[in-house]
Amino acid sequence: MALMERVATLIRANLNDLIVQAEDPEKMLRQVIVDMQNQLRQVKTQVAIAITDQHLLAKKQKEHESQAAEWFRKAELAISKEQDELARPALEKALHFRATAEGFEKQLRHQSEEVENLKSVLERLQQKLSEAQAKSDILAAQHRRAKALERAGDARMRVENGSNEMTIDRARNKIADAEAAGLAKSELASQSLHDRITALEKQDQIEQLLADLKANRLTKKMP
């Protein structure tokens, strides 16, 4: 059956190998999922048909077994009435329905096995579909995370570049501030030296005036 061959191929497929080999794993998995969903619908239809046939065979088997039992009853009735000429055809009918019922029973066993096989295939295909959907979700999440990391990396690079420029600017400002501070200290040092010399000169002037005043007083006291 072509359908079962296609389904078997999908079930045997190693999704991890397909992902590794695929140029676009997400696209490949989406296609696999679509194929599996299509096959799943067809298998479900086959299962439904097989179960219907199973019930029909069971019904026919039961009907023929009932017919066989009925004709055996009629044959026994004819025998009890010593009507062998009626018993013989009744037994012939009973044997016919019994043989047919046995044929339906054999078909029913095969059909029941087919139904179980189809149910097993359906279950495995559903599991494979769930696996493919889970892997597809994981790949999609990984793709989104990779994109987010890429955007974050770009943003970090922009920030770092801006930070480097700011660092350079800060360094330049610090150098300028240091130069200005050095000049200020130098000027303050020069001014301090000037002030000290001026103070000394002023002190000498005061001492000189004091000496002059003392000398004048002594001169005035002399006769």
N, C-alpha and C. Protein backbone atom coordinates (compact mmCIF):
# COMPACT_ATOMS: atom_id res chain seq x y z
N MET A 1 0.85 -1.19 0.00
CA MET A 1 0.00 0.00 0.00
C MET A 1 0.89 1.24 0.00
N ALA A 2 0.68 2.11 -1.01
CA ALA A 2 1.53 3.29 -1.16
C ALA A 2 1.45 4.19 0.07
N LEU A 3 0.24 4.32 0.61
CA LEU A 3 0.06 5.17 1.80
C LEU A 3 0.90 4.67 2.95
N MET A 4 0.86 3.38 3.22
CA MET A 4 1.62 2.83 4.33
C MET A 4 3.12 2.95 4.11
N GLU A 5 3.55 2.87 2.85
CA GLU A 5 4.98 3.05 2.55
C GLU A 5 5.41 4.48 2.85
N ARG A 6 4.58 5.44 2.45
CA ARG A 6 4.91 6.85 2.73
C ARG A 6 4.92 7.11 4.23
N VAL A 7 3.94 6.55 4.92
CA VAL A 7 3.87 6.74 6.37
C VAL A 7 5.08 6.10 7.05
N ALA A 8 5.44 4.89 6.60
CA ALA A 8 6.60 4.20 7.18
C ALA A 8 7.86 5.03 6.99
N THR A 9 7.99 5.66 5.81
CA THR A 9 9.15 6.51 5.54
C THR A 9 9.20 7.68 6.51
N LEU A 10 8.05 8.30 6.75
CA LEU A 10 7.99 9.42 7.69
C LEU A 10 8.31 8.99 9.11
N ILE A 11 7.81 7.82 9.49
CA ILE A 11 8.04 7.33 10.86
C ILE A 11 9.51 6.99 11.07
N ARG A 12 10.13 6.41 10.04
CA ARG A 12 11.55 6.01 10.17
C ARG A 12 12.49 7.21 10.08
N ALA A 13 12.01 8.31 9.58
CA ALA A 13 12.88 9.48 9.36
C ALA A 13 13.51 9.94 10.68
N ASN A 14 14.81 10.18 10.63
CA ASN A 14 15.53 10.71 11.79
C ASN A 14 15.51 12.23 11.69
N LEU A 15 14.68 12.84 12.50
CA LEU A 15 14.50 14.29 12.42
C LEU A 15 15.79 15.05 12.70
N ASN A 16 16.59 14.54 13.63
CA ASN A 16 17.85 15.22 13.96
C ASN A 16 18.78 15.26 12.75
N ASP A 17 18.87 14.13 12.02
CA ASP A 17 19.71 14.10 10.82
C ASP A 17 19.17 15.06 9.76
N LEU A 18 17.86 15.09 9.60
CA LEU A 18 17.25 15.99 8.62
C LEU A 18 17.54 17.44 8.97
N ILE A 19 17.48 17.76 10.27
CA ILE A 19 17.74 19.13 10.72
C ILE A 19 19.18 19.53 10.42
N VAL A 20 20.11 18.61 10.70
CA VAL A 20 21.54 18.90 10.48
C VAL A 20 21.82 19.11 9.01
N GLN A 21 21.20 18.29 8.15
CA GLN A 21 21.49 18.34 6.73
C GLN A 21 20.75 19.46 6.01
N ALA A 22 19.68 19.95 6.59
CA ALA A 22 18.84 20.93 5.91
C ALA A 22 19.51 22.30 5.88
N GLU A 23 19.34 22.98 4.74
CA GLU A 23 19.86 24.34 4.62
C GLU A 23 19.04 25.29 5.48
N ASP A 24 17.72 25.05 5.50
CA ASP A 24 16.80 25.83 6.33
C ASP A 24 16.01 24.85 7.19
N PRO A 25 16.52 24.51 8.38
CA PRO A 25 15.86 23.50 9.23
C PRO A 25 14.41 23.82 9.56
N GLU A 26 14.12 25.08 9.84
CA GLU A 26 12.75 25.45 10.19
C GLU A 26 11.79 25.18 9.04
N LYS A 27 12.19 25.59 7.85
CA LYS A 27 11.35 25.38 6.67
C LYS A 27 11.17 23.89 6.40
N MET A 28 12.26 23.12 6.55
CA MET A 28 12.20 21.68 6.32
C MET A 28 11.23 21.03 7.30
N LEU A 29 11.32 21.40 8.59
CA LEU A 29 10.44 20.81 9.59
C LEU A 29 8.99 21.19 9.35
N ARG A 30 8.75 22.42 8.91
CA ARG A 30 7.37 22.82 8.61
C ARG A 30 6.79 21.95 7.50
N GLN A 31 7.61 21.66 6.49
CA GLN A 31 7.14 20.80 5.39
C GLN A 31 6.89 19.38 5.88
N VAL A 32 7.79 18.87 6.73
CA VAL A 32 7.61 17.52 7.29
C VAL A 32 6.31 17.46 8.09
N ILE A 33 6.04 18.51 8.86
CA ILE A 33 4.81 18.54 9.67
C ILE A 33 3.58 18.54 8.77
N VAL A 34 3.62 19.32 7.70
CA VAL A 34 2.49 19.34 6.75
C VAL A 34 2.28 17.96 6.15
N ASP A 35 3.38 17.31 5.73
CA ASP A 35 3.28 15.96 5.16
C ASP A 35 2.69 14.98 6.17
N MET A 36 3.18 15.06 7.41
CA MET A 36 2.68 14.15 8.45
C MET A 36 1.20 14.39 8.73
N GLN A 37 0.79 15.64 8.75
CA GLN A 37 -0.62 15.94 9.00
C GLN A 37 -1.50 15.39 7.89
N ASN A 38 -1.02 15.50 6.64
CA ASN A 38 -1.77 14.94 5.51
C ASN A 38 -1.87 13.42 5.62
N GLN A 39 -0.73 12.78 5.91
CA GLN A 39 -0.73 11.32 6.04
C GLN A 39 -1.57 10.88 7.23
N LEU A 40 -1.55 11.68 8.29
CA LEU A 40 -2.33 11.34 9.48
C LEU A 40 -3.82 11.32 9.17
N ARG A 41 -4.27 12.30 8.40
CA ARG A 41 -5.69 12.33 8.01
C ARG A 41 -6.05 11.10 7.19
N GLN A 42 -5.16 10.71 6.27
CA GLN A 42 -5.43 9.54 5.44
C GLN A 42 -5.44 8.25 6.26
N VAL A 43 -4.50 8.15 7.20
CA VAL A 43 -4.45 6.95 8.04
C VAL A 43 -5.70 6.86 8.91
N LYS A 44 -6.14 8.00 9.45
CA LYS A 44 -7.37 8.00 10.25
C LYS A 44 -8.55 7.52 9.42
N THR A 45 -8.59 7.94 8.15
CA THR A 45 -9.66 7.48 7.26
C THR A 45 -9.58 5.97 7.06
N GLN A 46 -8.35 5.47 6.85
CA GLN A 46 -8.16 4.03 6.66
C GLN A 46 -8.55 3.25 7.92
N VAL A 47 -8.23 3.80 9.07
CA VAL A 47 -8.60 3.14 10.33
C VAL A 47 -10.12 3.07 10.46
N ALA A 48 -10.78 4.17 10.14
CA ALA A 48 -12.24 4.20 10.22
C ALA A 48 -12.87 3.18 9.27
N ILE A 49 -12.33 3.10 8.04
CA ILE A 49 -12.85 2.13 7.07
C ILE A 49 -12.61 0.70 7.56
N ALA A 50 -11.41 0.46 8.08
CA ALA A 50 -11.07 -0.89 8.55
C ALA A 50 -11.96 -1.31 9.72
N ILE A 51 -12.24 -0.38 10.62
CA ILE A 51 -13.11 -0.69 11.76
C ILE A 51 -14.54 -0.97 11.28
N THR A 52 -14.99 -0.19 10.30
CA THR A 52 -16.33 -0.42 9.73
C THR A 52 -16.41 -1.81 9.11
N ASP A 53 -15.38 -2.17 8.32
CA ASP A 53 -15.35 -3.51 7.72
C ASP A 53 -15.32 -4.60 8.80
N GLN A 54 -14.58 -4.32 9.87
CA GLN A 54 -14.51 -5.29 10.98
C GLN A 54 -15.89 -5.53 11.58
N HIS A 55 -16.64 -4.46 11.80
CA HIS A 55 -17.98 -4.61 12.35
C HIS A 55 -18.91 -5.34 11.39
N LEU A 56 -18.78 -5.06 10.09
CA LEU A 56 -19.62 -5.73 9.09
C LEU A 56 -19.33 -7.23 9.06
N LEU A 57 -18.04 -7.58 9.10
CA LEU A 57 -17.67 -9.00 9.10
C LEU A 57 -18.19 -9.70 10.35
N ALA A 58 -18.07 -9.02 11.49
CA ALA A 58 -18.56 -9.61 12.74
C ALA A 58 -20.07 -9.82 12.68
N LYS A 59 -20.76 -8.85 12.07
CA LYS A 59 -22.21 -8.97 11.94
C LYS A 59 -22.59 -10.14 11.03
N LYS A 60 -21.89 -10.25 9.88
CA LYS A 60 -22.17 -11.34 8.95
C LYS A 60 -21.85 -12.70 9.57
N GLN A 61 -20.74 -12.76 10.31
CA GLN A 61 -20.40 -14.03 10.97
C GLN A 61 -21.50 -14.44 11.94
N LYS A 62 -21.96 -13.47 12.72
CA LYS A 62 -23.01 -13.77 13.70
C LYS A 62 -24.30 -14.20 13.01
N GLU A 63 -24.65 -13.51 11.90
CA GLU A 63 -25.87 -13.87 11.17
C GLU A 63 -25.79 -15.29 10.62
N HIS A 64 -24.65 -15.66 10.03
CA HIS A 64 -24.50 -17.00 9.46
C HIS A 64 -24.45 -18.07 10.55
N GLU A 65 -23.84 -17.75 11.67
CA GLU A 65 -23.86 -18.71 12.78
C GLU A 65 -25.29 -18.93 13.27
N SER A 66 -26.06 -17.86 13.31
CA SER A 66 -27.47 -17.99 13.72
C SER A 66 -28.26 -18.82 12.72
N GLN A 67 -27.99 -18.60 11.42
CA GLN A 67 -28.66 -19.38 10.38
C GLN A 67 -28.29 -20.86 10.48
N ALA A 68 -26.99 -21.10 10.72
CA ALA A 68 -26.55 -22.51 10.86
C ALA A 68 -27.25 -23.16 12.05
N ALA A 69 -27.31 -22.45 13.17
CA ALA A 69 -27.98 -22.99 14.36
C ALA A 69 -29.46 -23.24 14.09
N GLU A 70 -30.10 -22.33 13.34
CA GLU A 70 -31.52 -22.49 13.03
C GLU A 70 -31.77 -23.71 12.15
N TRP A 71 -30.91 -23.93 11.16
CA TRP A 71 -31.11 -25.09 10.28
C TRP A 71 -30.79 -26.39 11.01
N PHE A 72 -29.85 -26.36 11.90
CA PHE A 72 -29.62 -27.56 12.73
C PHE A 72 -30.85 -27.87 13.58
N ARG A 73 -31.48 -26.82 14.10
CA ARG A 73 -32.70 -27.03 14.90
C ARG A 73 -33.81 -27.65 14.05
N LYS A 74 -33.92 -27.16 12.79
CA LYS A 74 -34.95 -27.69 11.90
C LYS A 74 -34.65 -29.16 11.54
N ALA A 75 -33.37 -29.44 11.33
CA ALA A 75 -32.99 -30.83 11.01
C ALA A 75 -33.34 -31.75 12.18
N GLU A 76 -33.06 -31.30 13.40
CA GLU A 76 -33.40 -32.11 14.58
C GLU A 76 -34.91 -32.31 14.69
N LEU A 77 -35.67 -31.27 14.34
CA LEU A 77 -37.12 -31.39 14.38
C LEU A 77 -37.61 -32.43 13.38
N ALA A 78 -37.03 -32.36 12.15
CA ALA A 78 -37.42 -33.32 11.12
C ALA A 78 -37.08 -34.74 11.54
N ILE A 79 -35.90 -34.90 12.14
CA ILE A 79 -35.48 -36.24 12.60
C ILE A 79 -36.42 -36.74 13.69
N SER A 80 -36.82 -35.81 14.58
CA SER A 80 -37.72 -36.22 15.66
C SER A 80 -39.08 -36.65 15.12
N LYS A 81 -39.45 -36.16 13.95
CA LYS A 81 -40.71 -36.53 13.32
C LYS A 81 -40.51 -37.65 12.30
N GLU A 82 -39.28 -38.17 12.29
CA GLU A 82 -38.93 -39.23 11.35
C GLU A 82 -39.13 -38.78 9.90
N GLN A 83 -38.74 -37.52 9.67
CA GLN A 83 -38.83 -36.97 8.32
C GLN A 83 -37.40 -36.77 7.79
N ASP A 84 -36.76 -37.89 7.48
CA ASP A 84 -35.37 -37.82 7.03
C ASP A 84 -35.23 -37.04 5.73
N GLU A 85 -36.26 -37.11 4.87
CA GLU A 85 -36.18 -36.40 3.60
C GLU A 85 -36.16 -34.89 3.81
N LEU A 86 -36.67 -34.43 4.96
CA LEU A 86 -36.59 -33.01 5.31
C LEU A 86 -35.33 -32.70 6.11
N ALA A 87 -34.88 -33.68 6.87
CA ALA A 87 -33.70 -33.48 7.71
C ALA A 87 -32.45 -33.30 6.87
N ARG A 88 -32.35 -34.07 5.76
CA ARG A 88 -31.12 -34.01 4.95
C ARG A 88 -30.90 -32.60 4.36
N PRO A 89 -31.85 -32.01 3.64
CA PRO A 89 -31.62 -30.67 3.11
C PRO A 89 -31.42 -29.62 4.23
N ALA A 90 -32.06 -29.83 5.37
CA ALA A 90 -31.87 -28.91 6.50
C ALA A 90 -30.44 -28.97 7.01
N LEU A 91 -29.91 -30.19 7.09
CA LEU A 91 -28.51 -30.35 7.50
C LEU A 91 -27.56 -29.74 6.47
N GLU A 92 -27.92 -29.90 5.19
CA GLU A 92 -27.09 -29.32 4.13
C GLU A 92 -27.04 -27.80 4.28
N LYS A 93 -28.19 -27.20 4.56
CA LYS A 93 -28.24 -25.74 4.77
C LYS A 93 -27.42 -25.35 6.00
N ALA A 94 -27.56 -26.12 7.04
CA ALA A 94 -26.83 -25.82 8.28
C ALA A 94 -25.34 -25.86 8.06
N LEU A 95 -24.87 -26.87 7.33
CA LEU A 95 -23.43 -26.98 7.04
C LEU A 95 -22.95 -25.82 6.17
N HIS A 96 -23.79 -25.43 5.22
CA HIS A 96 -23.43 -24.29 4.35
C HIS A 96 -23.24 -23.02 5.17
N PHE A 97 -24.21 -22.71 6.03
CA PHE A 97 -24.12 -21.49 6.84
C PHE A 97 -22.97 -21.58 7.85
N ARG A 98 -22.71 -22.79 8.36
CA ARG A 98 -21.59 -22.95 9.29
C ARG A 98 -20.28 -22.68 8.58
N ALA A 99 -20.11 -23.23 7.37
CA ALA A 99 -18.87 -23.03 6.62
C ALA A 99 -18.68 -21.55 6.28
N THR A 100 -19.79 -20.91 5.87
CA THR A 100 -19.71 -19.47 5.55
C THR A 100 -19.36 -18.66 6.80
N ALA A 101 -19.96 -19.03 7.92
CA ALA A 101 -19.66 -18.33 9.18
C ALA A 101 -18.19 -18.49 9.56
N GLU A 102 -17.65 -19.70 9.33
CA GLU A 102 -16.23 -19.93 9.62
C GLU A 102 -15.35 -19.09 8.70
N GLY A 103 -15.79 -18.93 7.43
CA GLY A 103 -15.05 -18.08 6.50
C GLY A 103 -15.04 -16.63 6.96
N PHE A 104 -16.22 -16.15 7.41
CA PHE A 104 -16.29 -14.79 7.93
C PHE A 104 -15.45 -14.64 9.20
N GLU A 105 -15.41 -15.68 10.02
CA GLU A 105 -14.61 -15.63 11.24
C GLU A 105 -13.12 -15.48 10.91
N LYS A 106 -12.68 -16.21 9.88
CA LYS A 106 -11.28 -16.10 9.46
C LYS A 106 -10.98 -14.70 8.94
N GLN A 107 -11.89 -14.18 8.11
CA GLN A 107 -11.70 -12.81 7.60
C GLN A 107 -11.70 -11.80 8.74
N LEU A 108 -12.56 -12.05 9.72
CA LEU A 108 -12.66 -11.14 10.86
C LEU A 108 -11.35 -11.10 11.65
N ARG A 109 -10.71 -12.26 11.81
CA ARG A 109 -9.42 -12.29 12.52
C ARG A 109 -8.39 -11.45 11.77
N HIS A 110 -8.33 -11.65 10.45
CA HIS A 110 -7.37 -10.87 9.64
C HIS A 110 -7.70 -9.37 9.71
N GLN A 111 -9.00 -9.07 9.64
CA GLN A 111 -9.41 -7.67 9.68
C GLN A 111 -9.09 -7.04 11.03
N SER A 112 -9.27 -7.79 12.09
CA SER A 112 -8.96 -7.29 13.44
C SER A 112 -7.46 -6.99 13.56
N GLU A 113 -6.63 -7.88 12.98
CA GLU A 113 -5.19 -7.64 12.98
C GLU A 113 -4.85 -6.38 12.18
N GLU A 114 -5.54 -6.21 11.05
CA GLU A 114 -5.31 -5.03 10.22
C GLU A 114 -5.69 -3.76 10.97
N VAL A 115 -6.81 -3.83 11.68
CA VAL A 115 -7.24 -2.66 12.46
C VAL A 115 -6.20 -2.32 13.52
N GLU A 116 -5.69 -3.31 14.22
CA GLU A 116 -4.68 -3.07 15.26
C GLU A 116 -3.40 -2.51 14.66
N ASN A 117 -3.01 -3.03 13.49
CA ASN A 117 -1.81 -2.52 12.82
C ASN A 117 -1.99 -1.06 12.43
N LEU A 118 -3.17 -0.75 11.87
CA LEU A 118 -3.43 0.64 11.47
C LEU A 118 -3.47 1.56 12.69
N LYS A 119 -4.05 1.09 13.77
CA LYS A 119 -4.08 1.90 15.00
C LYS A 119 -2.67 2.15 15.52
N SER A 120 -1.82 1.12 15.43
CA SER A 120 -0.43 1.26 15.87
C SER A 120 0.31 2.27 15.00
N VAL A 121 0.10 2.16 13.67
CA VAL A 121 0.72 3.12 12.75
C VAL A 121 0.23 4.53 13.04
N LEU A 122 -1.07 4.65 13.28
CA LEU A 122 -1.65 5.97 13.59
C LEU A 122 -1.03 6.55 14.85
N GLU A 123 -0.88 5.73 15.87
CA GLU A 123 -0.29 6.20 17.13
C GLU A 123 1.16 6.63 16.95
N ARG A 124 1.93 5.83 16.22
CA ARG A 124 3.34 6.17 15.98
C ARG A 124 3.46 7.43 15.14
N LEU A 125 2.58 7.58 14.16
CA LEU A 125 2.61 8.78 13.33
C LEU A 125 2.24 10.01 14.15
N GLN A 126 1.29 9.88 15.05
CA GLN A 126 0.92 10.99 15.93
C GLN A 126 2.09 11.37 16.84
N GLN A 127 2.80 10.35 17.35
CA GLN A 127 3.97 10.62 18.19
C GLN A 127 5.06 11.33 17.39
N LYS A 128 5.27 10.87 16.16
CA LYS A 128 6.28 11.49 15.30
C LYS A 128 5.90 12.93 14.97
N LEU A 129 4.62 13.14 14.74
CA LEU A 129 4.15 14.50 14.47
C LEU A 129 4.37 15.40 15.68
N SER A 130 4.07 14.88 16.86
CA SER A 130 4.30 15.66 18.09
C SER A 130 5.78 15.98 18.26
N GLU A 131 6.63 15.00 17.95
CA GLU A 131 8.08 15.21 18.03
C GLU A 131 8.52 16.30 17.06
N ALA A 132 8.01 16.24 15.83
CA ALA A 132 8.38 17.24 14.83
C ALA A 132 7.89 18.62 15.24
N GLN A 133 6.68 18.70 15.78
CA GLN A 133 6.15 19.99 16.22
C GLN A 133 6.96 20.55 17.38
N ALA A 134 7.37 19.68 18.29
CA ALA A 134 8.18 20.12 19.43
C ALA A 134 9.54 20.64 18.95
N LYS A 135 10.16 19.90 18.03
CA LYS A 135 11.46 20.34 17.50
C LYS A 135 11.31 21.64 16.73
N SER A 136 10.20 21.78 16.01
CA SER A 136 9.96 23.02 15.27
C SER A 136 9.83 24.19 16.24
N ASP A 137 9.11 23.98 17.34
CA ASP A 137 8.97 25.04 18.35
C ASP A 137 10.32 25.39 18.96
N ILE A 138 11.14 24.36 19.22
CA ILE A 138 12.47 24.60 19.79
C ILE A 138 13.34 25.40 18.82
N LEU A 139 13.32 24.99 17.55
CA LEU A 139 14.11 25.71 16.54
C LEU A 139 13.64 27.15 16.41
N ALA A 140 12.33 27.34 16.43
CA ALA A 140 11.80 28.70 16.33
C ALA A 140 12.26 29.54 17.52
N ALA A 141 12.23 28.94 18.71
CA ALA A 141 12.67 29.65 19.91
C ALA A 141 14.17 29.97 19.83
N GLN A 142 14.96 29.00 19.35
CA GLN A 142 16.40 29.22 19.20
C GLN A 142 16.66 30.34 18.19
N HIS A 143 15.87 30.34 17.12
CA HIS A 143 16.04 31.37 16.09
C HIS A 143 15.73 32.74 16.67
N ARG A 144 14.62 32.82 17.43
CA ARG A 144 14.26 34.10 18.05
C ARG A 144 15.33 34.54 19.04
N ARG A 145 15.86 33.58 19.82
CA ARG A 145 16.89 33.91 20.80
C ARG A 145 18.16 34.39 20.10
N ALA A 146 18.51 33.72 19.00
CA ALA A 146 19.71 34.12 18.25
C ALA A 146 19.55 35.54 17.70
N LYS A 147 18.34 35.84 17.19
CA LYS A 147 18.08 37.18 16.68
C LYS A 147 18.16 38.21 17.81
N ALA A 148 17.61 37.84 18.96
CA ALA A 148 17.64 38.75 20.10
C ALA A 148 19.07 39.00 20.56
N LEU A 149 19.88 37.93 20.60
CA LEU A 149 21.28 38.08 20.98
C LEU A 149 22.04 38.92 19.97
N GLU A 150 21.70 38.73 18.70
CA GLU A 150 22.35 39.53 17.66
C GLU A 150 22.02 41.00 17.83
N ARG A 151 20.73 41.28 18.09
CA ARG A 151 20.34 42.68 18.30
C ARG A 151 21.00 43.24 19.55
N ALA A 152 21.06 42.41 20.61
CA ALA A 152 21.70 42.86 21.85
C ALA A 152 23.18 43.13 21.62
N GLY A 153 23.83 42.26 20.82
CA GLY A 153 25.24 42.45 20.52
C GLY A 153 25.49 43.73 19.75
N ASP A 154 24.61 44.00 18.78
CA ASP A 154 24.74 45.24 18.01
C ASP A 154 24.57 46.45 18.92
N ALA A 155 23.56 46.35 19.80
CA ALA A 155 23.32 47.46 20.72
C ALA A 155 24.51 47.65 21.65
N ARG A 156 25.07 46.53 22.13
CA ARG A 156 26.22 46.61 23.04
C ARG A 156 27.42 47.24 22.34
N MET A 157 27.61 46.86 21.06
CA MET A 157 28.72 47.44 20.31
C MET A 157 28.54 48.94 20.16
N ARG A 158 27.28 49.35 19.90
CA ARG A 158 27.04 50.79 19.76
C ARG A 158 27.30 51.51 21.07
N VAL A 159 26.83 50.87 22.16
CA VAL A 159 27.04 51.48 23.47
C VAL A 159 28.52 51.54 23.81
N GLU A 160 29.24 50.43 23.53
CA GLU A 160 30.67 50.40 23.84
C GLU A 160 31.43 51.42 23.01
N ASN A 161 31.05 51.55 21.74
CA ASN A 161 31.71 52.55 20.90
C ASN A 161 31.45 53.94 21.45
N GLY A 162 30.20 54.18 21.85
CA GLY A 162 29.87 55.47 22.44
C GLY A 162 30.60 55.67 23.74
N SER A 163 30.71 54.59 24.52
CA SER A 163 31.41 54.66 25.80
C SER A 163 32.88 54.95 25.60
N ASN A 164 33.47 54.35 24.55
CA ASN A 164 34.89 54.61 24.27
C ASN A 164 35.10 56.07 23.93
N GLU A 165 34.16 56.61 23.13
CA GLU A 165 34.29 58.02 22.77
C GLU A 165 34.15 58.90 24.01
N MET A 166 33.19 58.51 24.88
CA MET A 166 33.02 59.28 26.11
C MET A 166 34.25 59.17 26.99
N THR A 167 34.86 57.98 27.02
CA THR A 167 36.07 57.78 27.83
C THR A 167 37.20 58.66 27.33
N ILE A 168 37.34 58.71 26.01
CA ILE A 168 38.38 59.57 25.42
C ILE A 168 38.12 61.02 25.76
N ASP A 169 36.84 61.42 25.65
CA ASP A 169 36.51 62.81 25.97
C ASP A 169 36.80 63.11 27.43
N ARG A 170 36.44 62.15 28.30
CA ARG A 170 36.71 62.36 29.72
C ARG A 170 38.21 62.47 29.98
N ALA A 171 38.99 61.65 29.28
CA ALA A 171 40.44 61.69 29.46
C ALA A 171 40.99 63.04 29.02
N ARG A 172 40.46 63.50 27.88
CA ARG A 172 40.91 64.82 27.40
C ARG A 172 40.55 65.91 28.39
N ASN A 173 39.35 65.83 28.93
CA ASN A 173 38.92 66.84 29.90
C ASN A 173 39.78 66.79 31.16
N LYS A 174 40.10 65.55 31.59
CA LYS A 174 40.94 65.41 32.78
C LYS A 174 42.32 66.02 32.55
N ILE A 175 42.86 65.76 31.35
CA ILE A 175 44.18 66.33 31.04
C ILE A 175 44.12 67.84 31.04
N ALA A 176 43.03 68.36 30.43
CA ALA A 176 42.89 69.82 30.39
C ALA A 176 42.74 70.38 31.80
N ASP A 177 41.95 69.68 32.62
CA ASP A 177 41.77 70.13 34.00
C ASP A 177 43.09 70.09 34.76
N ALA A 178 43.85 69.02 34.53
CA ALA A 178 45.14 68.89 35.21
C ALA A 178 46.09 70.00 34.79
N GLU A 179 46.08 70.30 33.49
CA GLU A 179 46.95 71.39 33.01
C GLU A 179 46.54 72.72 33.64
N ALA A 180 45.22 72.94 33.68
CA ALA A 180 44.72 74.20 34.26
C ALA A 180 45.08 74.27 35.74
N ALA A 181 44.92 73.15 36.43
CA ALA A 181 45.25 73.13 37.86
C ALA A 181 46.74 73.40 38.08
N GLY A 182 47.56 72.82 37.19
CA GLY A 182 49.01 73.04 37.31
C GLY A 182 49.37 74.50 37.12
N LEU A 183 48.73 75.09 36.11
CA LEU A 183 48.99 76.51 35.87
C LEU A 183 48.53 77.35 37.06
N ALA A 184 47.37 76.98 37.60
CA ALA A 184 46.85 77.73 38.75
C ALA A 184 47.79 77.61 39.94
N LYS A 185 48.26 76.39 40.19
CA LYS A 185 49.20 76.19 41.30
C LYS A 185 50.48 76.98 41.08
N SER A 186 50.93 76.97 39.83
CA SER A 186 52.17 77.70 39.53
C SER A 186 51.98 79.18 39.78
N GLU A 187 50.80 79.69 39.34
CA GLU A 187 50.52 81.11 39.55
C GLU A 187 50.39 81.42 41.03
N LEU A 188 49.72 80.51 41.74
CA LEU A 188 49.56 80.72 43.18
C LEU A 188 50.91 80.69 43.89
N ALA A 189 51.77 79.78 43.44
CA ALA A 189 53.10 79.69 44.05
C ALA A 189 53.88 80.98 43.81
N SER A 190 53.78 81.48 42.57
CA SER A 190 54.49 82.73 42.24
C SER A 190 53.94 83.88 43.06
N GLN A 191 52.60 83.92 43.14
CA GLN A 191 51.96 84.99 43.91
C GLN A 191 52.33 84.90 45.38
N SER A 192 52.40 83.69 45.91
CA SER A 192 52.75 83.49 47.31
C SER A 192 54.16 83.99 47.59
N LEU A 193 55.08 83.71 46.69
CA LEU A 193 56.46 84.16 46.85
C LEU A 193 56.54 85.68 46.82
N HIS A 194 55.77 86.26 45.89
CA HIS A 194 55.74 87.72 45.78
C HIS A 194 55.20 88.34 47.05
N ASP A 195 54.13 87.74 47.57
CA ASP A 195 53.51 88.27 48.79
C ASP A 195 54.47 88.18 49.97
N ARG A 196 55.21 87.09 50.04
CA ARG A 196 56.15 86.92 51.15
C ARG A 196 57.26 87.97 51.09
N ILE A 197 57.77 88.18 49.88
CA ILE A 197 58.84 89.20 49.73
C ILE A 197 58.30 90.58 50.07
N THR A 198 57.07 90.84 49.58
CA THR A 198 56.44 92.14 49.88
C THR A 198 56.27 92.32 51.38
N ALA A 199 55.88 91.26 52.06
CA ALA A 199 55.68 91.32 53.51
C ALA A 199 56.99 91.61 54.22
N LEU A 200 58.06 90.98 53.74
CA LEU A 200 59.37 91.23 54.33
C LEU A 200 59.78 92.69 54.14
N GLU A 201 59.56 93.18 52.93
CA GLU A 201 59.92 94.57 52.66
C GLU A 201 59.12 95.52 53.54
N LYS A 202 57.83 95.17 53.70
CA LYS A 202 56.97 96.00 54.54
C LYS A 202 57.42 95.95 55.99
N GLN A 203 57.83 94.78 56.43
CA GLN A 203 58.31 94.62 57.81
C GLN A 203 59.60 95.44 58.01
N ASP A 204 60.47 95.41 57.00
CA ASP A 204 61.70 96.22 57.09
C ASP A 204 61.37 97.70 57.16
N GLN A 205 60.36 98.07 56.38
CA GLN A 205 59.96 99.48 56.37
C GLN A 205 59.44 99.90 57.74
N ILE A 206 58.63 99.01 58.34
CA ILE A 206 58.09 99.30 59.66
C ILE A 206 59.22 99.41 60.69
N GLU A 207 60.14 98.49 60.63
CA GLU A 207 61.27 98.50 61.56
C GLU A 207 62.10 99.79 61.39
N GLN A 208 62.25 100.21 60.13
CA GLN A 208 63.02 101.42 59.86
C GLN A 208 62.32 102.65 60.43
N LEU A 209 60.98 102.70 60.23
CA LEU A 209 60.20 103.81 60.76
C LEU A 209 60.27 103.83 62.29
N LEU A 210 60.17 102.63 62.87
CA LEU A 210 60.24 102.54 64.32
C LEU A 210 61.59 103.05 64.83
N ALA A 211 62.65 102.69 64.13
CA ALA A 211 63.99 103.14 64.53
C ALA A 211 64.12 104.65 64.38
N ASP A 212 63.54 105.18 63.29
CA ASP A 212 63.60 106.63 63.07
C ASP A 212 62.86 107.38 64.16
N LEU A 213 61.69 106.86 64.52
CA LEU A 213 60.90 107.51 65.57
C LEU A 213 61.65 107.49 66.91
N LYS A 214 62.26 106.40 67.22
CA LYS A 214 63.03 106.31 68.46
C LYS A 214 64.20 107.30 68.44
N ALA A 215 64.84 107.40 67.29
CA ALA A 215 65.99 108.32 67.17
C ALA A 215 65.54 109.76 67.35
N ASN A 216 64.39 110.10 66.77
CA ASN A 216 63.87 111.46 66.91
C ASN A 216 63.56 111.79 68.36
N ARG A 217 63.01 110.88 69.08
CA ARG A 217 62.67 111.11 70.48
C ARG A 217 63.94 111.33 71.32
N LEU A 218 64.93 110.58 71.05
CA LEU A 218 66.18 110.76 71.79
C LEU A 218 66.78 112.13 71.50
N THR A 219 66.67 112.56 70.30
CA THR A 219 67.25 113.86 69.91
C THR A 219 66.52 114.97 70.64
N LYS A 220 65.20 114.86 70.78
CA LYS A 220 64.41 115.88 71.45
C LYS A 220 64.72 115.93 72.94
N LYS A 221 65.06 114.86 73.57
CA LYS A 221 65.34 114.83 75.00
C LYS A 221 66.72 115.41 75.33
N MET A 222 67.57 115.45 74.40
CA MET A 222 68.94 115.95 74.68
C MET A 222 68.88 117.47 74.84
N PRO A 223 69.65 118.12 75.86
CA PRO A 223 69.67 119.58 76.12
C PRO A 223 70.34 120.30 74.96
